[in-house]
Amino acid sequence: MMTHQATRTNIQSPHIRSPPRTSTDFRLPSRSHIIIIAAKATKTKRMEQEAAAAVVVVGAGPSGLAASACLKTLSIPHVVLEREDCFASLWKKYAYDRLHLHLRKRFCELPHMHFPPDYPEYVPKDQLLRYFDDYVARFGIEPAYGRSVESAVYDEGDGRWRVGARDVGSGEAVEYRCRFLVVATGESSDAFIPEVEGIEGFGGKVIHSTRYKNGKEFENSRVLVVGSGNSGMEIALDLANHGARTSIVVRSPVHVLSRGIANLGLALLKYFSLATVDSLLVLLSKLVYGDMSKYGLRRPSEGPFLMKTKYGKYPFIDLGTCQKIKSGEIQVLPALKRIEGDVAEFEDGKSHPFDAIVFCTGFKRSTYKWLKGDDYLLNEDGIAKPSFPNHWKGEKGLYCVGLSRSGFYGIASDAQNIANDIKSQP
């Protein structure tokens, strides 16, 4: 049976000028400092730079980049810690080739920098990475790479956060002390694969979606995609386009929207209630796609935006998968029950053989492992607990960016709110 625990099988996981400085310096009653255990002399300059930081930002994905840019714009000293060897690592190293943003580019811009006007409305992966590169260059963002945060505890004695990290290369322990701590680790931080009975005996290839690039190697193979979110549906489409005999597990009801319908909904939310917009989106979906239940896709009883708000469950943005399902090129299957050899058994009692399995089962957040003493800002799954619009601000100088399930638009708003709030501190 599938359970929501991580499995321990042998699965393959996972030039623009800088803006001018303002004449106003940001000053705090006392400056934060850093203690480096067994530091080498060659790190002196880096130590001095980090010692001047008032803020520690954990994560150099889009959330961390946005936070850093907003802090730099207000001349607030800070350091960005990133466990990987690059910024935006999920997009650079762990995203499939055909990935495009599902929302129009105006909804996906980071603060203080628009997408170039010649970029298409739905930005592809390569141009998004170029945008990130230009963004980092423009604001002079310099993350400390290979720093894995292991603990963050608020010290009541001196009113600072003690952030313990480890250099993933040398194993050296590092401690940062800062007045403000910004959690910017993102909603997609740690790849998650559920336990499946018998998976260890499967002889074919088993990967998480973060290791999938394209369907070329799977031509004529029998491939099972587990997970019916946007990544799962698009990877199933890519596999079918490359000649794989593709099946996808769809356990729960799912909303199906076209790009146009989804973007219309976002625009209408400025003028109408969520319930009104959801009713319209469901009606449009029925008109465009008809009754998809006959193909194994059941529609939820709650609206698409309500489900996103309440449960963090995004609607499926269709790019051609539904047509492949209707034509029979992609087979929809119920929940996966167990694996025996190369045969997968499903909850309806039927079994099918496969050559490969791609788990598109999302991510877990590990913030709870290192952030100690916070009972207000983040829940056990690492998502903001407070309601909009105050979801970004915690207690004792703790903040979070991009953890409200609001995508890029939420990231931009959070980052600007946090920088402004820190700037206003006495």
Protein backbone atom coordinates (compact mmCIF):
# COMPACT_ATOMS: atom_id res chain seq x y z
CA MET A 1 0.00 0.00 0.00
CA MET A 2 1.12 3.58 -0.56
CA THR A 3 1.81 5.54 2.62
CA HIS A 4 3.04 9.05 3.08
CA GLN A 5 6.52 8.24 4.30
CA ALA A 6 9.79 8.66 2.49
CA THR A 7 11.09 5.36 1.15
CA ARG A 8 14.68 4.16 1.33
CA THR A 9 14.91 2.21 -1.90
CA ASN A 10 17.56 2.73 -4.59
CA ILE A 11 15.49 5.41 -6.31
CA GLN A 12 17.28 8.13 -8.30
CA SER A 13 16.22 11.33 -6.54
CA PRO A 14 16.94 14.45 -6.50
CA HIS A 15 24.64 42.33 -18.54
CA ILE A 16 22.84 44.70 -16.68
CA ARG A 17 24.40 47.19 -14.35
CA SER A 18 23.69 46.95 -10.68
CA PRO A 19 21.30 49.65 -9.41
CA PRO A 20 22.95 52.68 -7.81
CA ARG A 21 23.30 52.65 -4.06
CA THR A 22 21.01 54.87 -2.10
CA SER A 23 22.48 57.54 0.14
CA THR A 24 20.61 56.20 3.18
CA ASP A 25 22.38 53.54 5.24
CA PHE A 26 20.33 51.05 7.22
CA ARG A 27 21.47 51.02 10.84
CA LEU A 28 20.60 48.74 13.72
CA PRO A 29 21.36 49.22 17.43
CA SER A 30 24.02 46.50 17.14
CA ARG A 31 25.30 44.54 14.17
CA SER A 32 24.92 40.80 13.83
CA HIS A 33 28.00 38.65 13.73
CA ILE A 34 29.19 35.24 12.65
CA ILE A 35 31.31 32.66 14.36
CA ILE A 36 33.17 30.25 12.13
CA ILE A 37 34.66 27.18 13.74
CA ALA A 38 38.15 26.29 12.50
CA ALA A 39 37.95 28.98 9.80
CA LYS A 40 40.76 29.29 7.33
CA ALA A 41 42.64 32.54 6.79
CA THR A 42 41.53 32.69 3.17
CA LYS A 43 37.94 33.15 4.36
CA THR A 44 38.65 36.40 6.19
CA LYS A 45 37.07 38.65 3.57
CA ARG A 46 33.94 36.51 3.41
CA MET A 47 33.76 36.52 7.22
CA GLU A 48 33.94 40.30 7.31
CA GLN A 49 31.18 40.58 4.73
CA GLU A 50 28.95 38.16 6.59
CA ALA A 51 29.70 39.72 9.96
CA ALA A 52 28.03 42.93 8.79
CA ALA A 53 24.77 41.20 7.93
CA ALA A 54 21.61 42.27 9.77
CA VAL A 55 19.49 39.62 8.09
CA VAL A 56 19.99 35.96 7.20
CA VAL A 57 17.96 34.69 4.24
CA VAL A 58 17.76 30.89 4.00
CA GLY A 59 17.42 29.77 0.39
CA ALA A 60 18.49 31.17 -2.99
CA GLY A 61 15.56 30.07 -5.09
CA PRO A 62 13.19 32.67 -6.54
CA SER A 63 11.98 33.51 -3.01
CA GLY A 64 15.46 34.13 -1.70
CA LEU A 65 16.48 36.13 -4.77
CA ALA A 66 13.39 38.32 -4.42
CA ALA A 67 14.08 38.88 -0.72
CA SER A 68 17.72 39.77 -1.39
CA ALA A 69 16.83 42.21 -4.17
CA CYS A 70 14.30 44.01 -1.96
CA LEU A 71 16.75 44.18 0.95
CA LYS A 72 19.50 45.51 -1.33
CA THR A 73 17.16 48.15 -2.74
CA LEU A 74 16.73 49.47 0.82
CA SER A 75 20.47 49.10 1.63
CA ILE A 76 19.81 46.48 4.31
CA PRO A 77 22.89 44.28 4.92
CA HIS A 78 22.16 40.57 4.68
CA VAL A 79 23.56 37.18 3.74
CA VAL A 80 21.82 34.51 1.64
CA LEU A 81 22.53 30.87 2.52
CA GLU A 82 22.02 28.18 -0.13
CA ARG A 83 22.72 24.47 0.31
CA GLU A 84 23.12 23.84 -3.44
CA ASP A 85 25.97 25.08 -5.65
CA CYS A 86 23.84 27.56 -7.60
CA PHE A 87 20.82 29.83 -7.24
CA ALA A 88 17.39 28.67 -8.46
CA SER A 89 18.67 25.09 -8.36
CA LEU A 90 15.21 23.51 -8.74
CA TRP A 91 14.79 25.31 -12.06
CA LYS A 92 18.40 24.95 -13.22
CA LYS A 93 19.10 21.35 -12.24
CA TYR A 94 15.83 19.56 -11.51
CA ALA A 95 13.25 20.78 -14.05
CA TYR A 96 12.20 18.92 -17.20
CA ASP A 97 13.09 20.35 -20.62
CA ARG A 98 9.64 21.31 -21.92
CA LEU A 99 8.71 23.28 -18.80
CA HIS A 100 6.94 26.61 -19.35
CA LEU A 101 5.33 28.91 -16.82
CA HIS A 102 1.59 28.22 -16.82
CA LEU A 103 0.64 31.80 -15.97
CA ARG A 104 1.25 34.90 -18.06
CA LYS A 105 4.59 36.53 -17.42
CA ARG A 106 3.12 39.59 -15.69
CA PHE A 107 1.95 37.29 -12.87
CA CYS A 108 5.42 35.73 -12.51
CA GLU A 109 7.82 38.66 -12.30
CA LEU A 110 10.16 39.09 -9.35
CA PRO A 111 10.14 42.51 -7.65
CA HIS A 112 11.81 45.52 -9.29
CA MET A 113 12.45 43.84 -12.67
CA HIS A 114 10.07 43.06 -15.54
CA PHE A 115 10.51 40.25 -18.02
CA PRO A 116 11.95 41.54 -21.32
CA PRO A 117 9.18 42.70 -23.68
CA ASP A 118 10.24 40.20 -26.37
CA TYR A 119 9.67 37.22 -24.05
CA PRO A 120 6.54 35.19 -24.88
CA GLU A 121 3.49 35.40 -22.62
CA TYR A 122 4.22 31.93 -21.25
CA VAL A 123 7.93 31.93 -20.51
CA PRO A 124 9.87 28.72 -21.32
CA LYS A 125 12.49 27.27 -19.02
CA ASP A 126 15.58 28.55 -20.88
CA GLN A 127 14.34 32.15 -20.93
CA LEU A 128 13.25 31.95 -17.29
CA LEU A 129 16.78 30.88 -16.35
CA ARG A 130 18.18 33.81 -18.35
CA TYR A 131 15.83 36.11 -16.43
CA PHE A 132 17.11 34.72 -13.13
CA ASP A 133 20.72 35.23 -14.28
CA ASP A 134 20.02 38.84 -15.24
CA TYR A 135 18.17 39.42 -11.97
CA VAL A 136 21.11 38.21 -9.87
CA ALA A 137 23.54 40.32 -11.92
CA ARG A 138 21.40 43.44 -11.73
CA PHE A 139 21.09 43.40 -7.95
CA GLY A 140 24.54 41.97 -7.24
CA ILE A 141 23.16 39.01 -5.28
CA GLU A 142 25.97 36.79 -3.95
CA PRO A 143 24.63 33.77 -2.05
CA ALA A 144 26.91 31.71 0.18
CA TYR A 145 26.66 28.37 -1.61
CA GLY A 146 27.05 24.95 -0.08
CA ARG A 147 25.69 26.13 3.28
CA SER A 148 23.14 23.70 4.66
CA VAL A 149 21.21 25.17 7.57
CA GLU A 150 20.88 22.69 10.42
CA SER A 151 19.40 24.82 13.21
CA ALA A 152 17.91 28.22 13.91
CA VAL A 153 17.13 29.20 17.48
CA TYR A 154 16.13 32.57 18.88
CA ASP A 155 18.41 33.70 21.71
CA GLU A 156 16.27 35.56 24.23
CA GLY A 157 19.39 36.88 25.95
CA ASP A 158 20.71 39.07 23.14
CA GLY A 159 17.57 39.21 20.98
CA ARG A 160 19.11 37.49 17.96
CA TRP A 161 18.70 34.35 15.94
CA ARG A 162 21.51 31.80 16.13
CA VAL A 163 21.61 30.06 12.75
CA GLY A 164 23.77 26.95 12.56
CA ALA A 165 24.89 25.80 9.13
CA ARG A 166 27.38 23.35 7.70
CA ASP A 167 29.64 23.75 4.70
CA VAL A 168 28.60 20.78 2.58
CA GLY A 169 32.04 20.63 0.99
CA SER A 170 34.35 20.78 3.99
CA GLY A 171 31.93 19.74 6.71
CA GLU A 172 32.90 22.88 8.61
CA ALA A 173 30.35 24.18 11.12
CA VAL A 174 29.28 27.79 10.80
CA GLU A 175 27.15 29.93 13.11
CA TYR A 176 25.41 33.14 12.10
CA ARG A 177 23.79 35.56 14.50
CA CYS A 178 21.24 37.97 13.10
CA ARG A 179 18.41 40.17 14.26
CA PHE A 180 16.12 39.06 11.41
CA LEU A 181 15.68 35.62 9.86
CA VAL A 182 13.91 35.11 6.51
CA VAL A 183 12.82 31.58 5.56
CA ALA A 184 12.91 31.45 1.75
CA THR A 185 13.33 27.73 1.18
CA GLY A 186 10.30 27.49 -1.13
CA GLU A 187 7.37 25.15 -1.38
CA SER A 188 9.37 22.64 -3.46
CA SER A 189 12.43 21.96 -1.36
CA ASP A 190 12.76 18.18 -0.80
CA ALA A 191 11.62 15.62 -3.40
CA PHE A 192 9.08 13.20 -1.95
CA ILE A 193 8.45 9.59 -2.99
CA PRO A 194 5.83 7.61 -1.04
CA GLU A 195 6.42 4.06 0.10
CA VAL A 196 5.01 1.47 -2.29
CA GLU A 197 4.88 -2.19 -1.36
CA GLY A 198 7.29 -4.18 -3.51
CA ILE A 199 8.98 -1.19 -5.17
CA GLU A 200 12.41 -2.47 -4.13
CA GLY A 201 11.91 -5.52 -6.39
CA PHE A 202 11.00 -3.52 -9.49
CA GLY A 203 13.62 -4.17 -12.14
CA GLY A 204 12.98 -1.12 -14.32
CA LYS A 205 13.94 2.51 -13.92
CA VAL A 206 12.38 4.41 -11.01
CA ILE A 207 12.86 8.17 -10.75
CA HIS A 208 11.33 11.26 -9.19
CA SER A 209 10.16 14.00 -11.55
CA THR A 210 13.19 16.08 -10.52
CA ARG A 211 15.34 13.55 -12.43
CA TYR A 212 13.17 13.54 -15.55
CA LYS A 213 14.39 15.63 -18.49
CA ASN A 214 12.49 14.37 -21.53
CA GLY A 215 10.91 11.25 -22.98
CA LYS A 216 13.54 10.35 -25.58
CA GLU A 217 14.96 7.42 -23.62
CA PHE A 218 11.47 6.01 -22.99
CA GLU A 219 10.37 5.56 -26.61
CA ASN A 220 8.31 2.34 -26.96
CA SER A 221 8.63 1.73 -23.20
CA ARG A 222 5.70 1.11 -20.86
CA VAL A 223 5.89 4.02 -18.42
CA LEU A 224 3.76 4.63 -15.35
CA VAL A 225 3.48 8.20 -14.08
CA VAL A 226 2.42 8.37 -10.43
CA GLY A 227 0.86 11.72 -9.53
CA SER A 228 -1.66 13.88 -11.35
CA GLY A 229 -0.50 17.39 -10.56
CA ASN A 230 0.75 19.71 -13.27
CA SER A 231 4.18 18.06 -13.44
CA GLY A 232 2.67 14.59 -13.69
CA MET A 233 0.20 15.55 -16.39
CA GLU A 234 2.81 17.38 -18.45
CA ILE A 235 5.40 14.63 -18.10
CA ALA A 236 2.76 12.11 -19.21
CA LEU A 237 2.13 14.30 -22.26
CA ASP A 238 5.86 14.52 -23.00
CA LEU A 239 6.24 10.76 -22.71
CA ALA A 240 3.32 10.15 -25.08
CA ASN A 241 4.77 12.65 -27.55
CA HIS A 242 8.03 10.69 -27.50
CA GLY A 243 6.32 7.40 -28.27
CA ALA A 244 6.12 5.89 -24.79
CA ARG A 245 3.12 3.75 -23.88
CA THR A 246 2.02 5.99 -21.06
CA SER A 247 -0.25 5.48 -18.06
CA ILE A 248 -0.91 7.91 -15.23
CA VAL A 249 -2.23 7.30 -11.72
CA VAL A 250 -5.03 9.71 -10.75
CA ARG A 251 -6.14 9.00 -7.18
CA SER A 252 -8.20 12.08 -6.39
CA PRO A 253 -10.65 14.37 -8.21
CA VAL A 254 -8.91 17.13 -10.15
CA HIS A 255 -9.95 20.38 -11.84
CA VAL A 256 -8.94 20.75 -15.48
CA LEU A 257 -8.41 24.28 -16.80
CA SER A 258 -6.86 25.63 -19.95
CA ARG A 259 -4.20 28.34 -19.69
CA GLY A 260 -6.70 30.90 -20.90
CA ILE A 261 -9.32 29.91 -18.34
CA ALA A 262 -6.80 29.94 -15.48
CA ASN A 263 -5.45 33.38 -16.36
CA LEU A 264 -8.98 34.74 -16.83
CA GLY A 265 -9.76 33.54 -13.31
CA LEU A 266 -6.74 35.33 -11.84
CA ALA A 267 -7.75 38.56 -13.54
CA LEU A 268 -11.38 38.29 -12.38
CA LEU A 269 -10.36 37.78 -8.73
CA LYS A 270 -9.60 41.50 -8.61
CA TYR A 271 -13.27 42.29 -9.18
CA PHE A 272 -15.35 39.32 -8.02
CA SER A 273 -15.49 36.96 -5.05
CA LEU A 274 -13.59 33.70 -5.09
CA ALA A 275 -16.84 31.72 -5.10
CA THR A 276 -18.14 33.62 -8.14
CA VAL A 277 -14.91 33.14 -10.06
CA ASP A 278 -14.76 29.44 -9.18
CA SER A 279 -18.32 28.92 -10.45
CA LEU A 280 -17.43 30.55 -13.76
CA LEU A 281 -14.22 28.50 -14.14
CA VAL A 282 -16.05 25.22 -13.54
CA LEU A 283 -18.69 26.18 -16.11
CA LEU A 284 -16.03 27.07 -18.69
CA SER A 285 -14.16 23.84 -17.98
CA LYS A 286 -17.32 21.81 -18.60
CA LEU A 287 -17.91 23.64 -21.89
CA VAL A 288 -14.33 23.12 -23.10
CA TYR A 289 -13.61 19.57 -21.89
CA GLY A 290 -17.01 17.99 -21.39
CA ASP A 291 -17.42 15.09 -18.97
CA MET A 292 -13.92 13.79 -18.25
CA SER A 293 -15.14 11.31 -15.61
CA LYS A 294 -15.68 8.72 -18.34
CA TYR A 295 -11.91 8.86 -18.89
CA GLY A 296 -11.02 8.63 -15.19
CA LEU A 297 -10.79 12.33 -14.32
CA ARG A 298 -13.41 13.23 -11.72
CA ARG A 299 -14.21 16.87 -10.96
CA PRO A 300 -14.01 17.94 -7.25
CA SER A 301 -17.06 19.34 -5.47
CA GLU A 302 -15.12 22.43 -4.31
CA GLY A 303 -13.93 25.11 -6.74
CA PRO A 304 -10.37 25.26 -8.16
CA PHE A 305 -9.22 28.46 -6.42
CA LEU A 306 -10.89 27.46 -3.14
CA MET A 307 -9.01 24.15 -3.18
CA LYS A 308 -5.76 25.95 -3.88
CA THR A 309 -6.37 28.28 -0.95
CA LYS A 310 -7.57 25.63 1.52
CA TYR A 311 -5.40 22.65 0.64
CA GLY A 312 -2.64 23.94 -1.62
CA LYS A 313 -3.98 21.71 -4.43
CA TYR A 314 -3.51 23.42 -7.77
CA PRO A 315 -5.84 22.88 -10.72
CA PHE A 316 -4.37 20.96 -13.64
CA ILE A 317 -3.49 23.36 -16.48
CA ASP A 318 -4.02 21.35 -19.65
CA LEU A 319 -1.50 21.70 -22.49
CA GLY A 320 -2.75 18.78 -24.56
CA THR A 321 -2.86 15.91 -22.05
CA CYS A 322 -6.66 15.70 -22.09
CA GLN A 323 -6.73 15.11 -25.82
CA LYS A 324 -4.18 12.30 -25.42
CA ILE A 325 -6.35 10.79 -22.68
CA LYS A 326 -9.46 10.97 -24.84
CA SER A 327 -7.64 9.37 -27.78
CA GLY A 328 -6.33 6.55 -25.59
CA GLU A 329 -2.66 7.50 -25.98
CA ILE A 330 -2.52 8.10 -22.22
CA GLN A 331 -4.30 5.62 -19.93
CA VAL A 332 -5.71 6.86 -16.61
CA LEU A 333 -5.42 4.38 -13.72
CA PRO A 334 -6.64 4.44 -10.10
CA ALA A 335 -4.43 4.43 -6.99
CA LEU A 336 -1.34 2.23 -7.06
CA LYS A 337 -1.58 -0.63 -4.56
CA ARG A 338 1.64 -2.65 -4.88
CA ILE A 339 4.45 -3.74 -7.21
CA GLU A 340 5.42 -7.34 -7.88
CA GLY A 341 8.33 -7.75 -10.25
CA ASP A 342 7.55 -5.55 -13.25
CA VAL A 343 3.78 -5.69 -12.64
CA ALA A 344 1.86 -2.93 -10.87
CA GLU A 345 -1.41 -3.72 -9.13
CA PHE A 346 -4.03 -1.00 -8.71
CA GLU A 347 -6.91 -0.36 -6.32
CA ASP A 348 -9.47 -1.61 -8.84
CA GLY A 349 -7.82 -5.03 -8.73
CA LYS A 350 -6.32 -4.81 -12.23
CA SER A 351 -2.61 -5.25 -12.97
CA HIS A 352 -0.34 -3.91 -15.73
CA PRO A 353 3.36 -4.46 -16.54
CA PHE A 354 5.74 -1.49 -16.81
CA ASP A 355 9.34 -0.80 -17.81
CA ALA A 356 9.72 2.45 -15.87
CA ILE A 357 7.99 4.48 -13.16
CA VAL A 358 8.16 8.28 -12.77
CA PHE A 359 7.02 9.56 -9.39
CA CYS A 360 5.51 13.05 -9.76
CA THR A 361 4.52 13.06 -6.10
CA GLY A 362 5.70 16.51 -5.18
CA PHE A 363 7.82 17.77 -2.35
CA LYS A 364 8.09 18.00 1.39
CA ARG A 365 9.58 20.87 3.35
CA SER A 366 12.20 20.21 6.01
CA THR A 367 11.96 23.54 7.84
CA TYR A 368 10.62 21.83 10.96
CA LYS A 369 13.93 19.96 11.29
CA TRP A 370 16.01 23.09 11.79
CA LEU A 371 13.70 25.98 12.79
CA LYS A 372 13.18 25.73 16.53
CA GLY A 373 10.79 27.55 18.85
CA ASP A 374 8.39 28.87 16.19
CA ASP A 375 4.79 28.09 17.04
CA TYR A 376 3.25 30.96 15.11
CA LEU A 377 4.50 31.41 11.54
CA LEU A 378 4.92 27.98 9.91
CA ASN A 379 2.97 24.75 10.27
CA GLU A 380 4.49 21.26 10.47
CA ASP A 381 4.60 21.07 6.67
CA GLY A 382 6.54 24.31 6.39
CA ILE A 383 3.64 26.41 5.05
CA ALA A 384 2.60 29.77 6.50
CA LYS A 385 -0.07 29.46 9.19
CA PRO A 386 -1.30 33.08 9.50
CA SER A 387 -4.03 34.16 7.11
CA PHE A 388 -3.52 36.51 4.18
CA PRO A 389 -2.40 39.30 4.16
CA ASN A 390 -0.19 38.85 7.25
CA HIS A 391 1.13 35.38 6.44
CA TRP A 392 4.71 36.58 5.84
CA LYS A 393 5.44 37.97 9.31
CA GLY A 394 6.17 35.94 12.40
CA GLU A 395 7.47 36.81 15.84
CA LYS A 396 10.91 37.90 17.07
CA GLY A 397 12.11 39.02 13.65
CA LEU A 398 11.09 35.83 11.81
CA TYR A 399 9.68 36.10 8.28
CA CYS A 400 8.86 33.80 5.36
CA VAL A 401 8.75 34.35 1.59
CA GLY A 402 6.83 32.27 -0.93
CA LEU A 403 5.27 29.86 1.55
CA SER A 404 1.63 30.90 1.16
CA ARG A 405 0.91 28.85 -2.00
CA SER A 406 0.59 32.01 -4.08
CA GLY A 407 3.30 31.35 -6.65
CA PHE A 408 5.56 34.04 -8.07
CA TYR A 409 2.99 36.74 -7.43
CA GLY A 410 3.01 35.91 -3.74
CA ILE A 411 6.81 35.83 -3.67
CA ALA A 412 7.08 39.39 -5.00
CA SER A 413 4.55 40.72 -2.51
CA ASP A 414 6.09 38.88 0.47
CA ALA A 415 9.62 40.03 -0.32
CA GLN A 416 8.67 43.70 -0.57
CA ASN A 417 6.57 43.56 2.60
CA ILE A 418 9.42 41.98 4.56
CA ALA A 419 12.06 44.45 3.39
CA ASN A 420 9.80 47.39 4.19
CA ASP A 421 8.99 45.98 7.62
CA ILE A 422 12.66 45.44 8.50
CA LYS A 423 13.52 48.92 7.27
CA SER A 424 10.89 50.37 9.60
CA GLN A 425 12.35 48.71 12.70
CA PRO A 426 13.87 51.13 15.27
